[in-house]
Amino acid sequence: MREVDRYLDLLNIRPKAFTLVTNLSGGMKRKVNLGIALMGDSGVVMLDEPTSGMDPEARRGIWDLLQVFSLQSFYPWNYLMQIVG
């Protein structure tokens, strides 16, 4: 499975795979941005309000997905700001 296909499924955006991003809702654009950020096994990904503009069901799904990635280390932004000072 290609990495793009994996994230299309994980983020539940496959039905919009061939839609221009400019034609997507705000919540769907957030999902696309999140998928791009997570691709490539980046060592560090900083997310600022990753679920802003999403409906409650989509928001819950994204937080569930982020918890899966938290096994690789995920820290909320406000926590990181406390560390940095």
C-alpha atoms as a PDB file:
ATOM      1  CA  MET A   1       0.000   0.000   0.000  1.00  0.00           C
ATOM      2  CA  ARG A   2       1.331   3.400  -0.920  1.00  0.00           C
ATOM      3  CA  GLU A   3       1.806   5.878   1.902  1.00  0.00           C
ATOM      4  CA  VAL A   4      -0.715   8.263   0.337  1.00  0.00           C
ATOM      5  CA  ASP A   5      -3.341   5.512   0.280  1.00  0.00           C
ATOM      6  CA  ARG A   6      -2.630   4.721   3.919  1.00  0.00           C
ATOM      7  CA  TYR A   7      -3.352   8.305   4.989  1.00  0.00           C
ATOM      8  CA  LEU A   8      -6.389   8.625   2.731  1.00  0.00           C
ATOM      9  CA  ASP A   9      -7.848   5.703   4.666  1.00  0.00           C
ATOM     10  CA  LEU A  10      -6.603   6.698   8.136  1.00  0.00           C
ATOM     11  CA  LEU A  11      -8.048  10.191   7.767  1.00  0.00           C
ATOM     12  CA  ASN A  12     -11.206   8.984   6.018  1.00  0.00           C
ATOM     13  CA  ILE A  13     -10.714  11.303   3.050  1.00  0.00           C
ATOM     14  CA  ARG A  14     -10.564   8.772   0.224  1.00  0.00           C
ATOM     15  CA  PRO A  15     -13.931   9.946  -1.196  1.00  0.00           C
ATOM     16  CA  LYS A  16     -12.321  13.364  -1.746  1.00  0.00           C
ATOM     17  CA  ALA A  17      -9.031  12.047  -3.146  1.00  0.00           C
ATOM     18  CA  PHE A  18      -9.510  13.737  -6.526  1.00  0.00           C
ATOM     19  CA  THR A  19     -11.086  16.963  -5.268  1.00  0.00           C
ATOM     20  CA  LEU A  20      -9.015  20.149  -5.371  1.00  0.00           C
ATOM     21  CA  VAL A  21      -8.103  21.258  -1.874  1.00  0.00           C
ATOM     22  CA  THR A  22      -9.544  24.710  -2.576  1.00  0.00           C
ATOM     23  CA  ASN A  23     -12.962  23.037  -2.975  1.00  0.00           C
ATOM     24  CA  LEU A  24     -12.842  21.216   0.390  1.00  0.00           C
ATOM     25  CA  SER A  25     -14.442  22.338   3.644  1.00  0.00           C
ATOM     26  CA  GLY A  26     -12.259  23.758   6.408  1.00  0.00           C
ATOM     27  CA  GLY A  27     -12.316  20.493   8.340  1.00  0.00           C
ATOM     28  CA  MET A  28     -11.344  18.456   5.277  1.00  0.00           C
ATOM     29  CA  LYS A  29      -8.489  20.869   4.573  1.00  0.00           C
ATOM     30  CA  ARG A  30      -7.259  20.246   8.137  1.00  0.00           C
ATOM     31  CA  LYS A  31      -7.272  16.507   7.455  1.00  0.00           C
ATOM     32  CA  VAL A  32      -5.256  17.000   4.267  1.00  0.00           C
ATOM     33  CA  ASN A  33      -2.764  19.184   6.150  1.00  0.00           C
ATOM     34  CA  LEU A  34      -2.463  16.578   8.887  1.00  0.00           C
ATOM     35  CA  GLY A  35      -1.867  13.801   6.367  1.00  0.00           C
ATOM     36  CA  ILE A  36       0.872  15.816   4.679  1.00  0.00           C
ATOM     37  CA  ALA A  37       2.482  16.544   8.061  1.00  0.00           C
ATOM     38  CA  LEU A  38       2.482  12.895   9.112  1.00  0.00           C
ATOM     39  CA  MET A  39       3.774  11.452   5.823  1.00  0.00           C
ATOM     40  CA  GLY A  40       7.405  10.573   5.482  1.00  0.00           C
ATOM     41  CA  ASP A  41       7.885   9.460   9.083  1.00  0.00           C
ATOM     42  CA  SER A  42       8.993  12.921  10.163  1.00  0.00           C
ATOM     43  CA  GLY A  43      10.948  12.970  13.393  1.00  0.00           C
ATOM     44  CA  VAL A  44       9.061  16.010  14.658  1.00  0.00           C
ATOM     45  CA  VAL A  45       5.605  17.281  13.742  1.00  0.00           C
ATOM     46  CA  MET A  46       4.201  20.394  15.384  1.00  0.00           C
ATOM     47  CA  LEU A  47       0.435  20.768  15.260  1.00  0.00           C
ATOM     48  CA  ASP A  48      -1.406  23.927  16.267  1.00  0.00           C
ATOM     49  CA  GLU A  49      -5.112  23.241  16.803  1.00  0.00           C
ATOM     50  CA  PRO A  50      -5.217  20.285  14.384  1.00  0.00           C
ATOM     51  CA  THR A  51      -8.987  19.794  14.809  1.00  0.00           C
ATOM     52  CA  SER A  52     -10.105  23.410  14.452  1.00  0.00           C
ATOM     53  CA  GLY A  53     -13.069  23.672  12.093  1.00  0.00           C
ATOM     54  CA  MET A  54     -14.011  19.986  12.315  1.00  0.00           C
ATOM     55  CA  ASP A  55     -17.321  18.525  13.381  1.00  0.00           C
ATOM     56  CA  PRO A  56     -17.315  16.575  16.688  1.00  0.00           C
ATOM     57  CA  GLU A  57     -17.175  13.150  15.020  1.00  0.00           C
ATOM     58  CA  ALA A  58     -14.209  14.082  12.821  1.00  0.00           C
ATOM     59  CA  ARG A  59     -12.497  15.752  15.790  1.00  0.00           C
ATOM     60  CA  ARG A  60     -12.786  12.561  17.860  1.00  0.00           C
ATOM     61  CA  GLY A  61     -11.384  10.514  14.979  1.00  0.00           C
ATOM     62  CA  ILE A  62      -8.381  12.796  14.607  1.00  0.00           C
ATOM     63  CA  TRP A  63      -7.606  12.734  18.333  1.00  0.00           C
ATOM     64  CA  ASP A  64      -7.877   8.929  18.284  1.00  0.00           C
ATOM     65  CA  LEU A  65      -5.456   8.839  15.356  1.00  0.00           C
ATOM     66  CA  LEU A  66      -3.054  11.197  17.118  1.00  0.00           C
ATOM     67  CA  GLN A  67      -3.104   8.954  20.172  1.00  0.00           C
ATOM     68  CA  VAL A  68      -1.890   6.090  17.975  1.00  0.00           C
ATOM     69  CA  PHE A  69       0.996   8.292  16.859  1.00  0.00           C
ATOM     70  CA  SER A  70       1.613   9.372  20.465  1.00  0.00           C
ATOM     71  CA  LEU A  71       3.237   6.007  21.040  1.00  0.00           C
ATOM     72  CA  GLN A  72       6.043   7.526  18.971  1.00  0.00           C
ATOM     73  CA  SER A  73       5.917  10.644  21.216  1.00  0.00           C
ATOM     74  CA  PHE A  74       3.278  13.308  20.909  1.00  0.00           C
ATOM     75  CA  TYR A  75       3.172  16.354  23.135  1.00  0.00           C
ATOM     76  CA  PRO A  76       0.499  19.045  23.147  1.00  0.00           C
ATOM     77  CA  TRP A  77       1.818  22.440  22.051  1.00  0.00           C
ATOM     78  CA  ASN A  78       1.141  24.113  25.427  1.00  0.00           C
ATOM     79  CA  TYR A  79       3.269  21.413  27.118  1.00  0.00           C
ATOM     80  CA  LEU A  80       6.156  22.036  24.714  1.00  0.00           C
ATOM     81  CA  MET A  81       5.939  25.783  25.310  1.00  0.00           C
ATOM     82  CA  GLN A  82       6.277  25.182  29.056  1.00  0.00           C
ATOM     83  CA  ILE A  83       9.420  23.146  28.442  1.00  0.00           C
ATOM     84  CA  VAL A  84      10.970  25.751  26.129  1.00  0.00           C
ATOM     85  CA  GLY A  85       9.927  28.610  28.394  1.00  0.00           C
END
